[in-house]
Protein backbone atom coordinates (compact mmCIF):
# COMPACT_ATOMS: atom_id res chain seq x y z
CA MET A 1 -15.06 -0.42 -38.93
CA LEU A 2 -15.71 -1.28 -35.33
CA CYS A 3 -15.39 -4.46 -33.23
CA GLY A 4 -16.64 -4.89 -29.70
CA TRP A 5 -19.34 -5.95 -27.27
CA VAL A 6 -22.98 -4.90 -27.16
CA GLY A 7 -23.37 -2.80 -24.03
CA LYS A 8 -26.99 -1.75 -24.60
CA ARG A 9 -29.55 -2.26 -27.36
CA ARG A 10 -32.53 0.04 -27.98
CA ASP A 11 -35.18 -0.55 -30.67
CA HIS A 12 -37.16 2.56 -31.61
CA GLY A 13 -39.60 1.07 -34.10
CA GLY A 14 -37.13 -0.13 -36.70
CA LEU A 15 -34.42 2.34 -35.79
CA VAL A 16 -32.00 0.25 -33.69
CA PHE A 17 -29.30 1.82 -31.50
CA ILE A 18 -26.37 -0.18 -30.12
CA ASP A 19 -23.88 1.05 -27.53
CA LEU A 20 -20.77 -0.74 -28.75
CA ARG A 21 -18.10 -1.13 -26.06
CA ASP A 22 -14.39 -1.84 -26.39
CA ARG A 23 -11.39 -0.93 -24.25
CA HIS A 24 -11.29 2.56 -25.76
CA GLY A 25 -14.84 3.41 -24.68
CA ILE A 26 -18.38 3.37 -26.12
CA THR A 27 -19.57 4.31 -29.62
CA GLN A 28 -23.20 4.53 -30.67
CA LEU A 29 -24.00 2.32 -33.66
CA VAL A 30 -27.21 3.06 -35.59
CA PHE A 31 -29.17 0.75 -37.90
CA ASP A 32 -31.27 3.22 -39.89
CA PRO A 33 -33.61 1.80 -42.57
CA SER A 34 -33.72 5.18 -44.29
CA GLU A 35 -29.95 5.08 -44.84
CA VAL A 36 -29.43 1.39 -45.74
CA LYS A 37 -32.35 -0.52 -47.19
CA ALA A 38 -31.05 -4.06 -46.54
CA PRO A 39 -33.57 -6.32 -44.75
CA GLU A 40 -30.90 -8.87 -43.70
CA LEU A 41 -28.94 -6.12 -41.92
CA HIS A 42 -31.91 -5.18 -39.74
CA GLU A 43 -32.76 -8.83 -39.16
CA LYS A 44 -29.25 -9.31 -37.71
CA ALA A 45 -29.57 -6.14 -35.68
CA GLY A 46 -32.81 -7.50 -34.23
CA ARG A 47 -30.97 -10.57 -32.97
CA LEU A 48 -28.33 -8.61 -31.04
CA ARG A 49 -28.32 -8.95 -27.25
CA ASN A 50 -26.12 -7.64 -24.46
CA GLU A 51 -22.51 -8.88 -24.59
CA TYR A 52 -22.74 -10.26 -28.15
CA VAL A 53 -19.45 -9.67 -29.97
CA LEU A 54 -19.88 -8.01 -33.34
CA TRP A 55 -18.10 -6.43 -36.27
CA ALA A 56 -19.70 -3.48 -38.00
CA LYS A 57 -18.91 -1.17 -40.88
CA GLY A 58 -20.52 2.20 -41.42
CA LYS A 59 -20.35 5.92 -41.91
CA VAL A 60 -19.59 8.42 -39.16
CA ARG A 61 -22.09 11.27 -38.87
CA ARG A 62 -22.66 14.06 -36.41
CA ARG A 63 -25.59 13.55 -34.07
CA PRO A 64 -28.41 16.11 -34.20
CA GLY A 65 -27.83 18.84 -31.62
CA THR A 66 -30.57 17.67 -29.29
CA MET A 67 -29.31 14.07 -29.44
CA ALA A 68 -25.69 14.76 -28.51
CA ASN A 69 -24.50 13.15 -25.26
CA SER A 70 -21.99 15.32 -23.44
CA THR A 71 -21.23 12.56 -20.89
CA MET A 72 -19.62 10.37 -23.59
CA ALA A 73 -16.27 11.04 -25.27
CA THR A 74 -17.92 10.04 -28.56
CA GLY A 75 -21.25 11.65 -27.68
CA SER A 76 -21.25 14.10 -30.58
CA ILE A 77 -21.12 11.40 -33.31
CA GLU A 78 -22.64 8.05 -34.25
CA VAL A 79 -21.85 5.37 -36.84
CA VAL A 80 -24.61 4.45 -39.32
CA ALA A 81 -24.08 0.75 -39.98
CA SER A 82 -23.91 -0.53 -43.54
CA ASP A 83 -22.68 -4.03 -42.70
CA LEU A 84 -22.71 -6.28 -39.65
CA ALA A 85 -21.34 -9.66 -38.55
CA ILE A 86 -22.16 -11.38 -35.27
CA LEU A 87 -18.81 -12.86 -34.26
CA SER A 88 -19.95 -14.48 -31.02
CA GLU A 89 -23.19 -14.85 -29.09
CA ALA A 90 -23.33 -14.61 -25.31
CA LYS A 91 -25.32 -16.08 -22.46
CA THR A 92 -27.10 -13.60 -20.24
CA PRO A 93 -24.32 -12.50 -17.85
CA PRO A 94 -24.77 -13.08 -14.08
CA PHE A 95 -24.73 -9.33 -13.47
CA VAL A 96 -25.14 -6.12 -15.41
CA ILE A 97 -21.78 -4.96 -16.73
CA ASP A 98 -22.00 -1.38 -15.63
CA ASP A 99 -20.08 0.79 -13.18
CA GLU A 100 -23.27 1.83 -11.45
CA ALA A 101 -24.60 -1.70 -10.81
CA GLU A 102 -24.53 -2.96 -7.21
CA VAL A 103 -23.02 -6.44 -7.38
CA ALA A 104 -21.60 -8.63 -4.58
CA GLU A 105 -17.82 -8.74 -4.69
CA THR A 106 -17.76 -12.55 -4.53
CA LEU A 107 -19.80 -12.63 -7.74
CA ARG A 108 -17.52 -10.09 -9.40
CA LEU A 109 -14.44 -12.14 -8.48
CA LYS A 110 -15.99 -15.42 -9.65
CA TYR A 111 -16.68 -13.87 -13.05
CA ARG A 112 -13.67 -11.57 -13.06
CA TYR A 113 -13.33 -11.70 -16.86
CA LEU A 114 -16.80 -10.12 -17.06
CA ASP A 115 -16.09 -7.67 -14.24
CA LEU A 116 -13.03 -6.49 -16.17
CA ARG A 117 -15.28 -5.35 -19.01
CA ARG A 118 -16.49 -2.52 -16.77
CA PRO A 119 -15.08 0.80 -18.03
CA SER A 120 -13.70 1.79 -14.62
CA LEU A 121 -11.62 -1.36 -14.23
CA GLN A 122 -10.36 -1.18 -17.79
CA LYS A 123 -9.35 2.42 -17.19
CA ASN A 124 -7.48 1.34 -14.04
CA LEU A 125 -5.54 -1.37 -15.87
CA LEU A 126 -4.67 1.03 -18.69
CA THR A 127 -3.48 3.61 -16.14
CA ARG A 128 -1.34 0.93 -14.48
CA HIS A 129 0.14 0.05 -17.88
CA ARG A 130 0.89 3.70 -18.62
CA MET A 131 2.45 4.16 -15.18
CA LEU A 132 4.88 1.30 -15.77
CA GLN A 133 5.80 2.61 -19.23
CA ILE A 134 6.66 6.01 -17.73
CA VAL A 135 8.72 4.32 -14.99
CA ARG A 136 10.63 2.18 -17.48
CA ASN A 137 11.40 5.13 -19.74
CA HIS A 138 12.51 7.28 -16.81
CA LEU A 139 14.84 4.66 -15.34
CA ASP A 140 16.26 3.91 -18.77
CA GLU A 141 17.05 7.60 -19.21
CA HIS A 142 19.04 7.45 -15.95
CA GLY A 143 21.08 4.41 -16.98
CA PHE A 144 19.17 1.72 -15.08
CA CYS A 145 19.09 -1.72 -16.68
CA GLU A 146 16.04 -4.02 -16.42
CA ILE A 147 17.20 -7.45 -15.23
CA GLU A 148 14.97 -10.38 -14.31
CA THR A 149 15.72 -12.50 -11.24
CA PRO A 150 14.51 -16.07 -10.55
CA ILE A 151 11.08 -16.95 -9.21
CA LEU A 152 12.22 -20.40 -8.02
CA TYR A 153 14.83 -19.54 -5.42
CA LYS A 154 16.23 -20.28 -1.97
CA SER A 155 14.22 -19.71 1.20
CA THR A 156 15.76 -16.78 3.09
CA PRO A 157 14.21 -15.15 6.16
CA GLU A 158 12.75 -11.78 5.16
CA GLY A 159 9.94 -11.23 7.65
CA ALA A 160 7.06 -13.34 6.33
CA ARG A 161 6.41 -16.98 5.52
CA ASP A 162 7.65 -18.27 2.20
CA PHE A 163 5.55 -20.09 -0.35
CA ILE A 164 7.55 -23.29 -0.91
CA VAL A 165 7.70 -25.44 -4.05
CA PRO A 166 8.88 -29.08 -3.92
CA SER A 167 11.54 -30.14 -6.42
CA ARG A 168 10.80 -33.32 -8.40
CA LEU A 169 14.38 -33.61 -9.66
CA ASN A 170 15.82 -33.24 -6.15
CA PRO A 171 13.41 -35.14 -3.85
CA GLY A 172 13.09 -33.77 -0.33
CA THR A 173 14.29 -30.31 -1.28
CA PHE A 174 12.30 -27.16 -1.92
CA TYR A 175 12.43 -23.88 -3.73
CA ALA A 176 10.83 -20.76 -2.26
CA LEU A 177 8.95 -18.08 -4.16
CA PRO A 178 10.77 -14.79 -3.46
CA GLN A 179 9.34 -12.35 -0.94
CA SER A 180 11.52 -9.83 -2.76
CA PRO A 181 14.70 -10.06 -4.87
CA GLN A 182 16.73 -8.65 -1.95
CA THR A 183 19.87 -10.78 -1.97
CA LEU A 184 19.86 -11.11 -5.76
CA LYS A 185 19.76 -7.38 -6.46
CA GLN A 186 22.59 -6.84 -3.99
CA LEU A 187 24.62 -9.52 -5.75
CA LEU A 188 23.96 -7.66 -9.01
CA MET A 189 25.73 -4.71 -7.39
CA VAL A 190 28.66 -7.02 -6.57
CA SER A 191 28.61 -8.12 -10.23
CA GLY A 192 29.18 -4.57 -11.44
CA MET A 193 25.66 -3.89 -12.78
CA ASP A 194 25.58 -0.65 -10.86
CA ARG A 195 22.04 0.45 -11.81
CA TYR A 196 19.35 -2.24 -11.82
CA TYR A 197 15.58 -2.25 -11.83
CA GLN A 198 12.84 -4.81 -12.28
CA ILE A 199 9.05 -4.95 -12.19
CA ALA A 200 9.32 -7.84 -9.77
CA ARG A 201 6.68 -10.36 -8.71
CA CYS A 202 6.81 -11.00 -4.97
CA PHE A 203 5.11 -13.65 -2.83
CA ARG A 204 4.33 -13.73 0.89
CA ASP A 205 2.39 -16.46 2.67
CA GLU A 206 0.93 -14.36 5.46
CA ASP A 207 -2.46 -13.65 6.96
CA LEU A 208 -4.24 -11.33 4.59
CA ARG A 209 -5.85 -7.98 5.34
CA ALA A 210 -8.33 -6.05 3.27
CA ASP A 211 -5.57 -4.42 1.25
CA ARG A 212 -2.96 -7.17 1.08
CA GLN A 213 -2.48 -9.85 -1.56
CA PRO A 214 -0.35 -13.02 -1.41
CA GLU A 215 1.31 -12.06 -4.70
CA PHE A 216 2.04 -8.53 -5.79
CA SER A 217 4.39 -6.46 -7.91
CA GLN A 218 7.01 -3.93 -6.97
CA ILE A 219 9.27 -1.53 -8.84
CA ASP A 220 12.56 -2.84 -7.50
CA ILE A 221 15.55 -0.51 -7.83
CA GLU A 222 19.16 -0.87 -6.68
CA THR A 223 22.18 1.31 -7.37
CA SER A 224 25.86 1.53 -6.41
CA PHE A 225 27.95 4.52 -5.41
CA LEU A 226 24.98 6.85 -4.76
CA ASP A 227 23.93 8.15 -1.35
CA GLU A 228 20.49 9.57 -0.54
CA GLU A 229 21.40 13.04 -1.79
CA ALA A 230 22.13 11.70 -5.28
CA PHE A 231 19.50 8.93 -5.32
CA PHE A 232 16.43 10.80 -4.04
CA PRO A 233 16.22 13.35 -6.91
CA ILE A 234 16.02 10.51 -9.46
CA LEU A 235 13.08 8.98 -7.57
CA GLU A 236 11.35 12.32 -7.00
CA GLU A 237 11.63 13.13 -10.70
CA MET A 238 9.99 9.77 -11.47
CA MET A 239 7.01 10.63 -9.25
CA LYS A 240 6.87 14.11 -10.76
CA LYS A 241 6.54 12.58 -14.26
CA LEU A 242 3.84 10.12 -13.15
CA TRP A 243 1.65 12.78 -11.56
CA LYS A 244 2.15 15.21 -14.44
CA GLN A 245 1.64 12.79 -17.34
CA ILE A 246 -1.24 10.82 -15.80
CA LEU A 247 -3.05 13.35 -13.60
CA GLY A 248 -1.81 16.64 -15.03
CA GLN A 249 -0.57 17.75 -11.61
CA ASP A 250 2.73 19.50 -10.91
CA LEU A 251 4.57 18.17 -7.86
CA PRO A 252 6.91 20.53 -6.02
CA THR A 253 10.36 19.05 -5.50
CA PRO A 254 12.44 18.27 -3.52
CA PHE A 255 10.01 16.39 -1.26
CA PRO A 256 10.06 17.39 2.41
CA ARG A 257 12.02 15.12 4.76
CA MET A 258 11.03 14.07 8.26
CA SER A 259 12.88 11.90 10.74
CA TYR A 260 11.21 8.78 12.11
CA LYS A 261 11.35 10.32 15.59
CA ASP A 262 9.48 13.43 14.46
CA ALA A 263 6.94 11.40 12.52
CA MET A 264 6.14 9.24 15.53
CA SER A 265 6.15 12.04 18.10
CA ARG A 266 4.04 14.42 15.97
CA PHE A 267 1.75 12.06 14.06
CA GLY A 268 2.02 8.68 15.81
CA SER A 269 2.88 6.98 12.54
CA ASP A 270 5.94 6.21 10.43
CA LYS A 271 3.78 7.02 7.38
CA PRO A 272 2.14 10.26 8.50
CA ASP A 273 -0.70 11.95 6.69
CA VAL A 274 0.40 15.58 6.99
CA ARG A 275 -2.63 17.06 5.21
CA PHE A 276 -4.44 17.83 8.47
CA GLY A 277 -3.63 18.78 12.05
CA LEU A 278 -4.51 16.95 15.29
CA GLU A 279 -0.80 16.51 15.99
CA LEU A 280 0.30 14.63 19.10
CA GLN A 281 1.61 16.75 21.96
CA ASP A 282 3.93 15.48 24.68
CA ILE A 283 2.64 16.51 28.11
CA SER A 284 4.99 14.25 30.12
CA LYS A 285 6.92 17.07 31.80
CA LEU A 286 3.70 18.64 32.99
CA PHE A 287 2.90 15.53 35.04
CA GLU A 288 6.38 14.50 36.22
CA LYS A 289 5.26 14.84 39.85
CA SER A 290 1.66 13.82 39.33
CA GLY A 291 -0.23 11.97 42.03
CA PHE A 292 -2.17 10.09 39.36
CA GLN A 293 -0.92 6.50 39.49
CA VAL A 294 -1.38 5.86 35.75
CA PHE A 295 0.87 8.80 34.95
CA GLN A 296 3.43 7.76 37.57
CA ASN A 297 3.72 4.27 36.09
CA ALA A 298 4.07 5.61 32.55
CA LEU A 299 7.07 7.78 33.44
CA LYS A 300 9.10 5.19 35.34
CA THR A 301 12.49 4.29 33.88
CA ASN A 302 12.76 0.65 32.86
CA ALA A 303 15.73 -1.72 33.12
CA ARG A 304 17.11 -0.55 29.77
CA GLY A 305 17.04 3.10 30.83
CA LEU A 306 13.99 3.99 28.75
CA THR A 307 10.88 5.81 29.93
CA GLY A 308 7.39 5.99 28.53
CA SER A 309 5.41 9.14 27.88
CA ILE A 310 2.07 10.91 28.21
CA ARG A 311 0.73 12.39 24.98
CA ALA A 312 -2.50 14.00 23.85
CA ILE A 313 -4.39 15.22 20.81
CA VAL A 314 -6.88 18.08 20.92
CA VAL A 315 -10.09 17.91 18.86
CA PRO A 316 -11.31 21.51 18.60
CA GLY A 317 -14.94 22.15 19.54
CA ALA A 318 -15.78 18.44 19.72
CA ALA A 319 -16.60 17.98 23.41
CA GLU A 320 -20.35 17.81 22.87
CA LYS A 321 -20.13 15.68 19.72
CA TYR A 322 -18.70 12.61 21.46
CA SER A 323 -20.98 10.56 23.70
CA ARG A 324 -19.72 8.14 26.32
CA LYS A 325 -20.25 5.31 23.82
CA ASP A 326 -18.22 7.19 21.20
CA LEU A 327 -15.38 7.57 23.69
CA ASP A 328 -15.60 3.89 24.65
CA ASP A 329 -15.31 3.01 20.97
CA LEU A 330 -12.20 5.19 20.67
CA GLN A 331 -10.75 3.47 23.73
CA ALA A 332 -11.34 0.06 22.10
CA ASN A 333 -9.58 1.37 18.99
CA ALA A 334 -6.57 2.47 21.05
CA ALA A 335 -6.48 -0.92 22.79
CA LEU A 336 -5.80 -2.60 19.44
CA PHE A 337 -2.40 -0.90 19.51
CA GLY A 338 -1.58 -1.93 23.08
CA ALA A 339 -2.92 1.06 25.04
CA LYS A 340 -4.31 0.01 28.40
CA GLY A 341 -6.69 2.93 28.51
CA LEU A 342 -7.75 6.22 26.99
CA LEU A 343 -8.14 9.31 29.13
CA TRP A 344 -10.57 11.92 27.82
CA ILE A 345 -10.95 15.51 28.98
CA LYS A 346 -13.73 17.90 27.96
CA VAL A 347 -13.40 21.66 28.40
CA GLN A 348 -16.62 22.96 29.94
CA ALA A 349 -17.99 26.50 30.09
CA GLY A 350 -15.66 28.76 32.02
CA GLY A 351 -12.67 26.53 31.24
CA GLU A 352 -13.51 23.80 33.77
CA LEU A 353 -12.05 20.40 32.88
CA GLN A 354 -14.42 17.45 32.96
CA SER A 355 -12.75 14.03 33.07
CA PRO A 356 -12.80 10.80 35.11
CA ALA A 357 -9.21 11.68 36.13
CA ALA A 358 -9.75 15.40 36.81
CA LYS A 359 -9.90 14.83 40.56
CA PHE A 360 -6.30 13.56 40.49
CA PHE A 361 -4.95 16.71 38.82
CA SER A 362 -3.62 19.63 40.84
CA ASP A 363 -4.69 23.16 40.00
CA SER A 364 -1.25 23.90 38.56
CA GLU A 365 -1.43 20.79 36.37
CA LYS A 366 -4.85 21.81 35.09
CA GLN A 367 -3.63 25.32 34.34
CA GLY A 368 -0.50 23.96 32.67
CA LEU A 369 -2.59 21.61 30.52
CA VAL A 370 -4.86 24.43 29.34
CA GLN A 371 -1.86 26.64 28.59
CA GLN A 372 0.34 24.04 26.84
CA LEU A 373 -2.47 22.63 24.68
CA GLY A 374 -4.09 26.00 24.06
CA LEU A 375 -7.46 24.64 25.19
CA LYS A 376 -10.69 26.48 24.55
CA GLU A 377 -14.28 25.91 25.59
CA LYS A 378 -15.83 22.74 24.06
CA ASP A 379 -12.45 21.26 23.11
CA LEU A 380 -11.96 17.51 23.55
CA VAL A 381 -8.62 16.08 24.70
CA LEU A 382 -7.68 12.44 24.09
CA CYS A 383 -4.72 11.24 26.13
CA VAL A 384 -2.70 8.01 26.36
CA ALA A 385 -0.03 7.21 28.96
CA ASP A 386 2.12 4.08 28.88
CA PRO A 387 5.64 2.91 29.86
CA ARG A 388 6.15 1.99 26.20
CA ASN A 389 6.50 5.17 24.17
CA LYS A 390 5.80 3.34 20.91
CA VAL A 391 2.41 2.19 22.24
CA VAL A 392 1.52 5.77 23.19
CA CYS A 393 2.42 7.14 19.76
CA GLU A 394 0.86 4.36 17.67
CA SER A 395 -2.43 4.25 19.59
CA LEU A 396 -2.85 8.03 19.46
CA GLY A 397 -1.78 8.01 15.81
CA ALA A 398 -4.58 5.56 15.04
CA LEU A 399 -7.07 7.73 16.96
CA ARG A 400 -5.85 10.77 15.04
CA LEU A 401 -6.86 9.11 11.76
CA THR A 402 -10.18 7.87 13.13
CA VAL A 403 -11.14 11.26 14.54
CA GLY A 404 -9.77 13.11 11.50
CA ALA A 405 -12.01 11.05 9.21
CA ARG A 406 -15.02 11.54 11.48
CA GLU A 407 -14.46 15.29 11.61
CA GLY A 408 -14.10 15.54 7.82
CA MET A 409 -10.49 16.72 8.02
CA ILE A 410 -9.04 14.10 5.65
CA PRO A 411 -9.57 14.72 1.92
CA LYS A 412 -11.39 11.95 0.10
CA LEU A 413 -9.64 9.71 -2.42
CA GLY A 414 -8.58 11.66 -5.46
CA GLU A 415 -9.23 15.02 -3.79
CA GLY A 416 -6.81 17.62 -2.47
CA LYS A 417 -3.14 18.15 -3.25
CA PRO A 418 -0.80 15.14 -2.97
CA ALA A 419 1.45 15.41 0.09
CA PHE A 420 4.70 13.54 -0.58
CA LEU A 421 7.47 13.30 1.97
CA TRP A 422 10.45 11.19 2.94
CA VAL A 423 10.52 9.55 6.37
CA MET A 424 14.14 8.80 7.30
CA ASN A 425 16.50 7.51 9.96
CA PHE A 426 14.38 4.66 11.27
CA PRO A 427 15.55 2.61 14.27
CA LEU A 428 17.88 -0.17 13.17
CA LEU A 429 16.86 -2.62 15.90
CA GLU A 430 13.83 -3.33 18.05
CA PHE A 431 13.97 -5.07 21.41
CA ASP A 432 11.41 -7.78 22.10
CA ASP A 433 10.61 -7.99 25.82
CA ARG A 434 9.17 -11.50 25.55
CA ASP A 435 12.19 -12.98 23.79
CA GLY A 436 14.70 -10.75 25.56
CA ARG A 437 16.58 -10.01 22.33
CA TYR A 438 16.85 -7.57 19.46
CA TYR A 439 15.30 -7.99 16.02
CA ALA A 440 16.09 -6.08 12.83
CA CYS A 441 13.39 -3.47 12.16
CA HIS A 442 13.93 -4.03 8.44
CA HIS A 443 15.91 -6.84 6.84
CA PRO A 444 19.33 -7.84 8.21
CA PHE A 445 21.21 -6.13 5.35
CA THR A 446 20.12 -2.60 6.26
CA SER A 447 23.08 -0.44 7.18
CA PRO A 448 23.35 1.69 10.31
CA ARG A 449 23.95 5.36 9.62
CA PRO A 450 27.73 5.90 9.42
CA GLN A 451 27.96 7.83 12.70
CA PHE A 452 26.60 4.75 14.52
CA PHE A 453 29.03 2.16 13.04
CA GLU A 454 31.37 2.18 16.03
CA ASP A 455 28.61 1.72 18.63
CA PHE A 456 26.92 -0.91 16.51
CA VAL A 457 30.00 -3.09 16.06
CA ALA A 458 30.77 -2.72 19.78
CA GLY A 459 27.18 -3.53 20.76
CA ARG A 460 26.64 -0.25 22.62
CA ASN A 461 23.56 2.04 22.83
CA LEU A 462 21.60 -0.31 20.61
CA ASP A 463 18.23 1.33 21.35
CA HIS A 464 19.47 4.59 19.85
CA ILE A 465 21.16 3.37 16.66
CA GLU A 466 19.54 4.72 13.51
CA ALA A 467 19.35 2.95 10.16
CA SER A 468 20.14 4.40 6.76
CA ALA A 469 16.56 3.56 5.87
CA TYR A 470 13.94 5.70 4.18
CA ASP A 471 10.31 5.50 3.08
CA MET A 472 8.50 7.61 0.52
CA VAL A 473 5.06 8.46 1.91
CA LEU A 474 2.04 9.94 0.15
CA ASN A 475 -1.10 11.05 1.99
CA GLY A 476 -0.46 8.66 4.87
CA VAL A 477 0.41 5.69 2.63
CA GLU A 478 3.88 4.18 2.25
CA VAL A 479 4.45 3.94 -1.50
CA GLY A 480 8.10 2.93 -1.36
CA GLY A 481 10.69 1.81 1.14
CA GLY A 482 14.41 1.21 0.98
CA SER A 483 17.79 1.66 2.58
CA LEU A 484 21.51 1.80 2.09
CA ARG A 485 22.88 -1.72 2.52
CA ILE A 486 25.64 -3.18 4.66
CA TYR A 487 28.70 -3.77 2.50
CA ARG A 488 31.43 -4.00 5.17
CA GLN A 489 32.11 -7.50 6.50
CA GLU A 490 32.56 -6.54 10.14
CA VAL A 491 29.25 -4.66 10.17
CA GLN A 492 27.36 -7.58 8.58
CA GLN A 493 28.90 -10.00 11.07
CA ALA A 494 27.89 -7.72 13.95
CA MET A 495 24.33 -7.65 12.64
CA PHE A 496 24.06 -11.43 12.52
CA LYS A 497 25.54 -11.69 16.00
CA LEU A 498 23.01 -9.21 17.41
CA LEU A 499 20.18 -11.14 15.77
CA GLY A 500 21.32 -14.31 17.53
CA LEU A 501 22.66 -16.09 14.45
CA THR A 502 25.75 -18.21 14.97
CA PRO A 503 28.33 -18.19 12.17
CA GLU A 504 27.08 -21.66 11.17
CA GLU A 505 23.46 -20.48 11.01
CA ALA A 506 24.43 -17.41 9.01
CA ARG A 507 26.32 -19.60 6.54
CA GLN A 508 23.38 -21.99 6.28
CA LYS A 509 20.86 -19.23 5.56
CA PHE A 510 22.99 -16.75 3.63
CA GLY A 511 26.23 -18.57 2.78
CA PHE A 512 26.14 -17.87 -0.97
CA PHE A 513 25.37 -14.21 -0.31
CA LEU A 514 28.04 -13.70 2.35
CA GLU A 515 30.64 -15.32 0.13
CA GLY A 516 29.67 -12.97 -2.69
CA LEU A 517 30.21 -9.96 -0.43
CA GLN A 518 33.88 -10.98 0.04
CA TYR A 519 34.83 -10.28 -3.57
CA GLY A 520 34.73 -6.51 -3.60
CA THR A 521 31.36 -5.04 -2.70
CA PRO A 522 30.59 -1.44 -3.65
CA PRO A 523 28.56 0.88 -1.40
CA HIS A 524 24.99 0.41 -2.57
CA GLY A 525 21.36 0.90 -1.71
CA GLY A 526 17.92 0.75 -3.19
CA ILE A 527 14.20 1.08 -2.86
CA ALA A 528 11.05 -0.80 -3.83
CA PHE A 529 7.76 0.84 -4.77
CA GLY A 530 4.50 -1.07 -4.51
CA VAL A 531 3.10 -1.17 -8.05
CA ASP A 532 -0.45 -1.96 -6.90
CA ARG A 533 -0.57 0.74 -4.22
CA LEU A 534 0.97 3.35 -6.52
CA ALA A 535 -1.51 2.50 -9.27
CA ALA A 536 -4.42 2.69 -6.82
CA LEU A 537 -3.34 6.17 -5.72
CA LEU A 538 -3.05 7.35 -9.33
CA CYS A 539 -6.48 5.89 -10.13
CA GLY A 540 -8.05 7.38 -6.99
CA VAL A 541 -9.36 4.02 -5.74
CA GLY A 542 -9.11 2.42 -2.31
CA PRO A 543 -8.54 -1.34 -2.52
CA ILE A 544 -5.56 -2.51 -4.58
CA ARG A 545 -7.65 -5.34 -6.08
CA ASP A 546 -9.29 -2.66 -8.27
CA VAL A 547 -5.99 -2.18 -10.11
CA MET A 548 -5.14 -5.91 -10.36
CA ALA A 549 -6.46 -8.08 -13.17
CA PHE A 550 -7.03 -11.26 -11.16
CA PRO A 551 -6.84 -10.59 -7.39
CA LYS A 552 -7.47 -13.12 -4.65
CA THR A 553 -9.83 -12.99 -1.69
CA GLN A 554 -8.79 -12.32 1.91
CA ARG A 555 -8.44 -16.09 2.34
CA GLY A 556 -5.96 -16.19 -0.54
CA THR A 557 -8.33 -17.98 -2.91
CA CYS A 558 -9.20 -17.32 -6.54
CA LEU A 559 -12.96 -17.73 -6.90
CA MET A 560 -12.71 -17.73 -10.67
CA SER A 561 -10.26 -20.64 -11.04
CA GLU A 562 -11.20 -22.25 -7.70
CA SER A 563 -7.59 -22.29 -6.55
CA PRO A 564 -5.75 -23.38 -4.53
CA SER A 565 -7.00 -26.84 -5.39
CA GLU A 566 -6.07 -30.45 -4.74
CA VAL A 567 -3.68 -32.29 -7.04
CA SER A 568 -3.70 -35.94 -7.96
CA PRO A 569 -2.00 -38.64 -5.83
CA GLU A 570 0.24 -39.33 -8.84
CA GLN A 571 1.56 -35.76 -8.84
CA LEU A 572 2.24 -35.91 -5.10
CA ALA A 573 4.02 -39.24 -5.45
CA GLU A 574 6.27 -37.81 -8.18
CA LEU A 575 7.26 -35.02 -5.83
CA GLY A 576 7.75 -37.31 -2.86
CA VAL A 577 5.13 -35.33 -0.92
CA SER A 578 2.40 -36.75 1.29
CA ILE A 579 -0.45 -34.91 2.98
CA THR A 580 -0.94 -35.83 6.62
CA ALA A 581 -3.84 -33.51 7.44
CA LYS A 582 -6.24 -31.18 5.71
CA ARG A 583 -7.55 -27.95 7.14
CA ASP A 584 -11.36 -27.74 7.31
């Protein structure tokens, strides 16, 4: 017996074939007059149309050798129907439900329930389900307890805008939808639940990008009494199981580790894709006495004792591939990350360097450049110089990815070996020149590394203090991020002071949390993995909406339900809310 939807119907002169589709795949159903001489059965079969829902009963038989379909999992058999019921008729759908059909995304999202009938999307959702089952079983084996935390909660600053919800029972007050369960999972550590996890829903009211959703899920994990050396193997084993059980791939463990400084200086990114070269090279020392004004300005020491840098990437044999327009486009790309310019150098025949800045280079500088970068004829050099070292690294890191994709160096989705690594020891603080103050690079509960406690509490050498923070990176994508948390009162107070929070402001924003930390707080830390991103990587798809059942558009709207939508004046009055202006 089979139940499902009519994918295709073919009538071969009384012999009717139906491709019956359900979430397990497609099975060919045959109405054969020579097998079942029942006129009413073939009359019903004649009425079937695409997307009708039916029930059928029949006998399984092997297809003739020439009729077998090797592209289908069930291609060697068919079911000869002996009974049939049409359970539901269907209108002609607005698009063909097929993976190969070209359909506008807005139409797919408007009729998402039809789009989800496509085999590829169903496979993605089933893979996501299987992934979460493996995660749950693994964490359970290691003593982690699944605990739910509230969705209606207090607004706490965590880096993005909160979605707020007015309270009818307490007029003039608001809940916030959690950006993450950060304070709650730490309080669970205070409570003695030393190993917690949750498949947590998170909400952030921020400007959306192509691969960002206002609501998403994360595998949220927190544990007490474990440092990185004890915690990381548990997480690596979890990834090892996922890749083995879903993709059949063996992951080598332990994963390599790389400091934030190395990641930025070598790859220009805190989530480096290490599957290809084009590494950044620091050529600052070579031009310490340069007469080129751009280089001079980049290497000046600023008021905080920091200097910029001059860095380059070498694209082998690419000098003739890149026109002036191509180079202008790369310069525009670098400008998005703050670079004021992009210097290019092409190695001509005989080793001569062609560049708009070549006339400013001395012979020794040219020779040093060729030697340090190992330049050969037809090589292309892309160079950025800036007083802000982060701008240099990030702009060249972006160019590295752009050029790597253009040169075919980056494996396509689902191809090549997965390259996992840990990026560690991030900066704890970041100075904002416009505001003239420090901000936490992560959230304000991230702990400095122990060797920096003394300087941190004293407020010394703040630009050089490293955090006990870590990210798990795969193929240039951050799949998880976490840290060890502050659990000592004097360190937490120092953090709030550095962030410009008065004791009164800290109590107002985090009073309940700070009070909880006074009742015996164990050393603890955790990590959160993006469910949607992880599922997309396992499914070999790009956008995370392809692994979400009901995603929203880049404007945060649901085309299917036409939300967000207006509510009645009566509902607003109950909440004590009035609307003063509407956005066009």
